[in-house]
Amino acid sequence: MRLIIAILLPFLVFFTIGRPIAGIICLILQVTLIGWLPAAIWAVYALGQYNTDKKISEALGNRR
């Protein structure tokens, strides 16, 4: 679900993963039509990093 949001409303993804300042910057970038594509790519990348970090912390948490 977050992936669809990352493509349609990139700035909103940053708020859902707890990065509000990046969300505001992304919104400013997204306001222009040319900036929409880089904002969407940035949001998908950040979402991937968030998911990876979450999996790593779960794996290390189970090890202890």
PDB file of N, CA and C in Angstrom:
ATOM      1  N   MET A   1       0.817  -1.191   0.000  1.00  0.00           N
ATOM      2  CA  MET A   1       0.000   0.000   0.000  1.00  0.00           C
ATOM      3  C   MET A   1       0.864   1.260   0.000  1.00  0.00           C
ATOM      4  N   ARG A   2       1.945   1.218   0.778  1.00  0.00           N
ATOM      5  CA  ARG A   2       2.827   2.386   0.816  1.00  0.00           C
ATOM      6  C   ARG A   2       3.516   2.624  -0.515  1.00  0.00           C
ATOM      7  N   LEU A   3       3.732   1.577  -1.281  1.00  0.00           N
ATOM      8  CA  LEU A   3       4.367   1.750  -2.587  1.00  0.00           C
ATOM      9  C   LEU A   3       3.468   2.542  -3.531  1.00  0.00           C
ATOM     10  N   ILE A   4       2.187   2.280  -3.501  1.00  0.00           N
ATOM     11  CA  ILE A   4       1.244   3.040  -4.327  1.00  0.00           C
ATOM     12  C   ILE A   4       1.215   4.496  -3.891  1.00  0.00           C
ATOM     13  N   ILE A   5       1.233   4.718  -2.579  1.00  0.00           N
ATOM     14  CA  ILE A   5       1.265   6.084  -2.064  1.00  0.00           C
ATOM     15  C   ILE A   5       2.559   6.775  -2.478  1.00  0.00           C
ATOM     16  N   ALA A   6       3.669   6.023  -2.480  1.00  0.00           N
ATOM     17  CA  ALA A   6       4.960   6.599  -2.862  1.00  0.00           C
ATOM     18  C   ALA A   6       4.954   7.084  -4.306  1.00  0.00           C
ATOM     19  N   ILE A   7       4.199   6.431  -5.153  1.00  0.00           N
ATOM     20  CA  ILE A   7       4.151   6.835  -6.556  1.00  0.00           C
ATOM     21  C   ILE A   7       3.151   7.975  -6.762  1.00  0.00           C
ATOM     22  N   LEU A   8       1.998   7.897  -6.109  1.00  0.00           N
ATOM     23  CA  LEU A   8       0.954   8.900  -6.329  1.00  0.00           C
ATOM     24  C   LEU A   8       1.149  10.166  -5.486  1.00  0.00           C
ATOM     25  N   LEU A   9       1.470   9.998  -4.216  1.00  0.00           N
ATOM     26  CA  LEU A   9       1.678  11.121  -3.300  1.00  0.00           C
ATOM     27  C   LEU A   9       2.995  10.918  -2.549  1.00  0.00           C
ATOM     28  N   PRO A  10       4.117  11.175  -3.213  1.00  0.00           N
ATOM     29  CA  PRO A  10       5.423  10.854  -2.616  1.00  0.00           C
ATOM     30  C   PRO A  10       5.673  11.484  -1.246  1.00  0.00           C
ATOM     31  N   PHE A  11       5.248  12.715  -1.045  1.00  0.00           N
ATOM     32  CA  PHE A  11       5.532  13.378   0.230  1.00  0.00           C
ATOM     33  C   PHE A  11       4.871  12.673   1.404  1.00  0.00           C
ATOM     34  N   LEU A  12       3.738  12.042   1.173  1.00  0.00           N
ATOM     35  CA  LEU A  12       2.988  11.404   2.246  1.00  0.00           C
ATOM     36  C   LEU A  12       3.726  10.193   2.823  1.00  0.00           C
ATOM     37  N   VAL A  13       4.520   9.520   2.012  1.00  0.00           N
ATOM     38  CA  VAL A  13       5.268   8.351   2.476  1.00  0.00           C
ATOM     39  C   VAL A  13       6.246   8.730   3.576  1.00  0.00           C
ATOM     40  N   PHE A  14       6.876   9.878   3.424  1.00  0.00           N
ATOM     41  CA  PHE A  14       7.852  10.302   4.423  1.00  0.00           C
ATOM     42  C   PHE A  14       7.197  10.548   5.781  1.00  0.00           C
ATOM     43  N   PHE A  15       5.966  11.021   5.768  1.00  0.00           N
ATOM     44  CA  PHE A  15       5.259  11.211   7.029  1.00  0.00           C
ATOM     45  C   PHE A  15       4.879   9.874   7.649  1.00  0.00           C
ATOM     46  N   THR A  16       4.576   8.867   6.826  1.00  0.00           N
ATOM     47  CA  THR A  16       4.190   7.563   7.373  1.00  0.00           C
ATOM     48  C   THR A  16       5.378   6.782   7.913  1.00  0.00           C
ATOM     49  N   ILE A  17       6.591   7.078   7.432  1.00  0.00           N
ATOM     50  CA  ILE A  17       7.764   6.365   7.944  1.00  0.00           C
ATOM     51  C   ILE A  17       8.519   7.175   9.000  1.00  0.00           C
ATOM     52  N   GLY A  18       7.952   8.310   9.404  1.00  0.00           N
ATOM     53  CA  GLY A  18       8.529   9.081  10.499  1.00  0.00           C
ATOM     54  C   GLY A  18       9.633  10.031  10.095  1.00  0.00           C
ATOM     55  N   ARG A  19       9.573  10.570   8.885  1.00  0.00           N
ATOM     56  CA  ARG A  19      10.562  11.550   8.431  1.00  0.00           C
ATOM     57  C   ARG A  19       9.844  12.800   7.921  1.00  0.00           C
ATOM     58  N   PRO A  20       9.282  13.613   8.841  1.00  0.00           N
ATOM     59  CA  PRO A  20       8.460  14.752   8.410  1.00  0.00           C
ATOM     60  C   PRO A  20       9.232  15.852   7.682  1.00  0.00           C
ATOM     61  N   ILE A  21      10.480  16.086   8.039  1.00  0.00           N
ATOM     62  CA  ILE A  21      11.250  17.139   7.370  1.00  0.00           C
ATOM     63  C   ILE A  21      11.511  16.746   5.914  1.00  0.00           C
ATOM     64  N   ALA A  22      11.842  15.487   5.689  1.00  0.00           N
ATOM     65  CA  ALA A  22      12.014  15.015   4.322  1.00  0.00           C
ATOM     66  C   ALA A  22      10.692  15.080   3.559  1.00  0.00           C
ATOM     67  N   GLY A  23       9.579  14.870   4.264  1.00  0.00           N
ATOM     68  CA  GLY A  23       8.265  14.980   3.642  1.00  0.00           C
ATOM     69  C   GLY A  23       7.974  16.388   3.164  1.00  0.00           C
ATOM     70  N   ILE A  24       8.353  17.365   3.951  1.00  0.00           N
ATOM     71  CA  ILE A  24       8.148  18.760   3.559  1.00  0.00           C
ATOM     72  C   ILE A  24       9.021  19.112   2.363  1.00  0.00           C
ATOM     73  N   ILE A  25      10.279  18.677   2.384  1.00  0.00           N
ATOM     74  CA  ILE A  25      11.176  18.926   1.252  1.00  0.00           C
ATOM     75  C   ILE A  25      10.651  18.243  -0.002  1.00  0.00           C
ATOM     76  N   CYS A  26      10.156  17.030   0.153  1.00  0.00           N
ATOM     77  CA  CYS A  26       9.602  16.295  -0.977  1.00  0.00           C
ATOM     78  C   CYS A  26       8.357  16.992  -1.522  1.00  0.00           C
ATOM     79  N   LEU A  27       7.538  17.554  -0.653  1.00  0.00           N
ATOM     80  CA  LEU A  27       6.355  18.278  -1.089  1.00  0.00           C
ATOM     81  C   LEU A  27       6.733  19.497  -1.912  1.00  0.00           C
ATOM     82  N   ILE A  28       7.754  20.202  -1.473  1.00  0.00           N
ATOM     83  CA  ILE A  28       8.233  21.363  -2.232  1.00  0.00           C
ATOM     84  C   ILE A  28       8.738  20.924  -3.602  1.00  0.00           C
ATOM     85  N   LEU A  29       9.454  19.814  -3.657  1.00  0.00           N
ATOM     86  CA  LEU A  29       9.938  19.284  -4.925  1.00  0.00           C
ATOM     87  C   LEU A  29       8.785  18.820  -5.795  1.00  0.00           C
ATOM     88  N   GLN A  30       7.794  18.244  -5.185  1.00  0.00           N
ATOM     89  CA  GLN A  30       6.664  17.659  -5.899  1.00  0.00           C
ATOM     90  C   GLN A  30       5.733  18.713  -6.488  1.00  0.00           C
ATOM     91  N   VAL A  31       5.752  19.919  -5.971  1.00  0.00           N
ATOM     92  CA  VAL A  31       4.852  20.969  -6.438  1.00  0.00           C
ATOM     93  C   VAL A  31       5.030  21.231  -7.924  1.00  0.00           C
ATOM     94  N   THR A  32       6.236  21.154  -8.398  1.00  0.00           N
ATOM     95  CA  THR A  32       6.462  21.345  -9.830  1.00  0.00           C
ATOM     96  C   THR A  32       6.218  20.023 -10.549  1.00  0.00           C
ATOM     97  N   LEU A  33       5.739  20.103 -11.749  1.00  0.00           N
ATOM     98  CA  LEU A  33       5.442  18.898 -12.523  1.00  0.00           C
ATOM     99  C   LEU A  33       6.730  18.143 -12.855  1.00  0.00           C
ATOM    100  N   ILE A  34       7.802  18.872 -13.110  1.00  0.00           N
ATOM    101  CA  ILE A  34       9.081  18.234 -13.417  1.00  0.00           C
ATOM    102  C   ILE A  34       9.650  17.542 -12.189  1.00  0.00           C
ATOM    103  N   GLY A  35       9.377  18.082 -11.009  1.00  0.00           N
ATOM    104  CA  GLY A  35       9.896  17.515  -9.771  1.00  0.00           C
ATOM    105  C   GLY A  35       9.136  16.301  -9.279  1.00  0.00           C
ATOM    106  N   TRP A  36       8.004  16.000  -9.915  1.00  0.00           N
ATOM    107  CA  TRP A  36       7.191  14.870  -9.459  1.00  0.00           C
ATOM    108  C   TRP A  36       7.943  13.550  -9.609  1.00  0.00           C
ATOM    109  N   LEU A  37       8.582  13.334 -10.741  1.00  0.00           N
ATOM    110  CA  LEU A  37       9.310  12.081 -10.980  1.00  0.00           C
ATOM    111  C   LEU A  37      10.464  11.890 -10.000  1.00  0.00           C
ATOM    112  N   PRO A  38      11.332  12.883  -9.801  1.00  0.00           N
ATOM    113  CA  PRO A  38      12.381  12.695  -8.787  1.00  0.00           C
ATOM    114  C   PRO A  38      11.811  12.495  -7.378  1.00  0.00           C
ATOM    115  N   ALA A  39      10.717  13.156  -7.059  1.00  0.00           N
ATOM    116  CA  ALA A  39      10.101  12.984  -5.737  1.00  0.00           C
ATOM    117  C   ALA A  39       9.579  11.566  -5.577  1.00  0.00           C
ATOM    118  N   ALA A  40       8.968  11.019  -6.619  1.00  0.00           N
ATOM    119  CA  ALA A  40       8.448   9.650  -6.552  1.00  0.00           C
ATOM    120  C   ALA A  40       9.594   8.642  -6.431  1.00  0.00           C
ATOM    121  N   ILE A  41      10.654   8.856  -7.183  1.00  0.00           N
ATOM    122  CA  ILE A  41      11.812   7.958  -7.107  1.00  0.00           C
ATOM    123  C   ILE A  41      12.435   8.016  -5.720  1.00  0.00           C
ATOM    124  N   TRP A  42      12.569   9.209  -5.174  1.00  0.00           N
ATOM    125  CA  TRP A  42      13.128   9.389  -3.836  1.00  0.00           C
ATOM    126  C   TRP A  42      12.250   8.704  -2.789  1.00  0.00           C
ATOM    127  N   ALA A  43      10.937   8.824  -2.922  1.00  0.00           N
ATOM    128  CA  ALA A  43      10.021   8.204  -1.963  1.00  0.00           C
ATOM    129  C   ALA A  43      10.091   6.678  -2.028  1.00  0.00           C
ATOM    130  N   VAL A  44      10.162   6.119  -3.232  1.00  0.00           N
ATOM    131  CA  VAL A  44      10.264   4.658  -3.368  1.00  0.00           C
ATOM    132  C   VAL A  44      11.587   4.169  -2.789  1.00  0.00           C
ATOM    133  N   TYR A  45      12.665   4.897  -3.038  1.00  0.00           N
ATOM    134  CA  TYR A  45      13.967   4.537  -2.478  1.00  0.00           C
ATOM    135  C   TYR A  45      13.948   4.600  -0.948  1.00  0.00           C
ATOM    136  N   ALA A  46      13.390   5.677  -0.391  1.00  0.00           N
ATOM    137  CA  ALA A  46      13.327   5.820   1.066  1.00  0.00           C
ATOM    138  C   ALA A  46      12.464   4.730   1.684  1.00  0.00           C
ATOM    139  N   LEU A  47      11.394   4.360   1.008  1.00  0.00           N
ATOM    140  CA  LEU A  47      10.534   3.290   1.505  1.00  0.00           C
ATOM    141  C   LEU A  47      11.275   1.958   1.506  1.00  0.00           C
ATOM    142  N   GLY A  48      12.060   1.713   0.478  1.00  0.00           N
ATOM    143  CA  GLY A  48      12.872   0.497   0.435  1.00  0.00           C
ATOM    144  C   GLY A  48      13.891   0.462   1.556  1.00  0.00           C
ATOM    145  N   GLN A  49      14.531   1.583   1.817  1.00  0.00           N
ATOM    146  CA  GLN A  49      15.500   1.663   2.910  1.00  0.00           C
ATOM    147  C   GLN A  49      14.829   1.465   4.260  1.00  0.00           C
ATOM    148  N   TYR A  50      13.639   2.021   4.424  1.00  0.00           N
ATOM    149  CA  TYR A  50      12.891   1.858   5.668  1.00  0.00           C
ATOM    150  C   TYR A  50      12.559   0.392   5.913  1.00  0.00           C
ATOM    151  N   ASN A  51      12.094  -0.286   4.866  1.00  0.00           N
ATOM    152  CA  ASN A  51      11.756  -1.707   4.997  1.00  0.00           C
ATOM    153  C   ASN A  51      12.994  -2.549   5.299  1.00  0.00           C
ATOM    154  N   THR A  52      14.116  -2.234   4.667  1.00  0.00           N
ATOM    155  CA  THR A  52      15.357  -2.961   4.916  1.00  0.00           C
ATOM    156  C   THR A  52      15.832  -2.750   6.358  1.00  0.00           C
ATOM    157  N   ASP A  53      15.814  -1.516   6.815  1.00  0.00           N
ATOM    158  CA  ASP A  53      16.219  -1.224   8.190  1.00  0.00           C
ATOM    159  C   ASP A  53      15.326  -1.936   9.197  1.00  0.00           C
ATOM    160  N   LYS A  54      14.051  -1.990   8.901  1.00  0.00           N
ATOM    161  CA  LYS A  54      13.093  -2.665   9.783  1.00  0.00           C
ATOM    162  C   LYS A  54      13.389  -4.165   9.861  1.00  0.00           C
ATOM    163  N   LYS A  55      13.691  -4.779   8.712  1.00  0.00           N
ATOM    164  CA  LYS A  55      14.009  -6.214   8.689  1.00  0.00           C
ATOM    165  C   LYS A  55      15.311  -6.505   9.426  1.00  0.00           C
ATOM    166  N   ILE A  56      16.298  -5.644   9.266  1.00  0.00           N
ATOM    167  CA  ILE A  56      17.581  -5.837   9.944  1.00  0.00           C
ATOM    168  C   ILE A  56      17.411  -5.723  11.454  1.00  0.00           C
ATOM    169  N   SER A  57      16.663  -4.722  11.892  1.00  0.00           N
ATOM    170  CA  SER A  57      16.472  -4.565  13.340  1.00  0.00           C
ATOM    171  C   SER A  57      15.678  -5.731  13.925  1.00  0.00           C
ATOM    172  N   GLU A  58      14.725  -6.276  13.173  1.00  0.00           N
ATOM    173  CA  GLU A  58      13.979  -7.445  13.649  1.00  0.00           C
ATOM    174  C   GLU A  58      14.896  -8.656  13.726  1.00  0.00           C
ATOM    175  N   ALA A  59      15.770  -8.818  12.743  1.00  0.00           N
ATOM    176  CA  ALA A  59      16.676  -9.967  12.745  1.00  0.00           C
ATOM    177  C   ALA A  59      17.681  -9.876  13.889  1.00  0.00           C
ATOM    178  N   LEU A  60      18.202  -8.709  14.140  1.00  0.00           N
ATOM    179  CA  LEU A  60      19.147  -8.549  15.236  1.00  0.00           C
ATOM    180  C   LEU A  60      18.449  -8.622  16.583  1.00  0.00           C
ATOM    181  N   GLY A  61      17.198  -8.184  16.640  1.00  0.00           N
ATOM    182  CA  GLY A  61      16.443  -8.245  17.875  1.00  0.00           C
ATOM    183  C   GLY A  61      16.129  -9.686  18.277  1.00  0.00           C
ATOM    184  N   ASN A  62      15.896 -10.535  17.306  1.00  0.00           N
ATOM    185  CA  ASN A  62      15.612 -11.948  17.583  1.00  0.00           C
ATOM    186  C   ASN A  62      16.856 -12.714  17.988  1.00  0.00           C
ATOM    187  N   ARG A  63      18.005 -12.217  17.618  1.00  0.00           N
ATOM    188  CA  ARG A  63      19.267 -12.902  17.906  1.00  0.00           C
ATOM    189  C   ARG A  63      19.661 -12.749  19.364  1.00  0.00           C
ATOM    190  N   ARG A  64      19.278 -11.676  20.005  1.00  0.00           N
ATOM    191  CA  ARG A  64      19.706 -11.391  21.383  1.00  0.00           C
ATOM    192  C   ARG A  64      18.973 -12.170  22.378  1.00  0.00           C
TER     193      ARG A  64
END
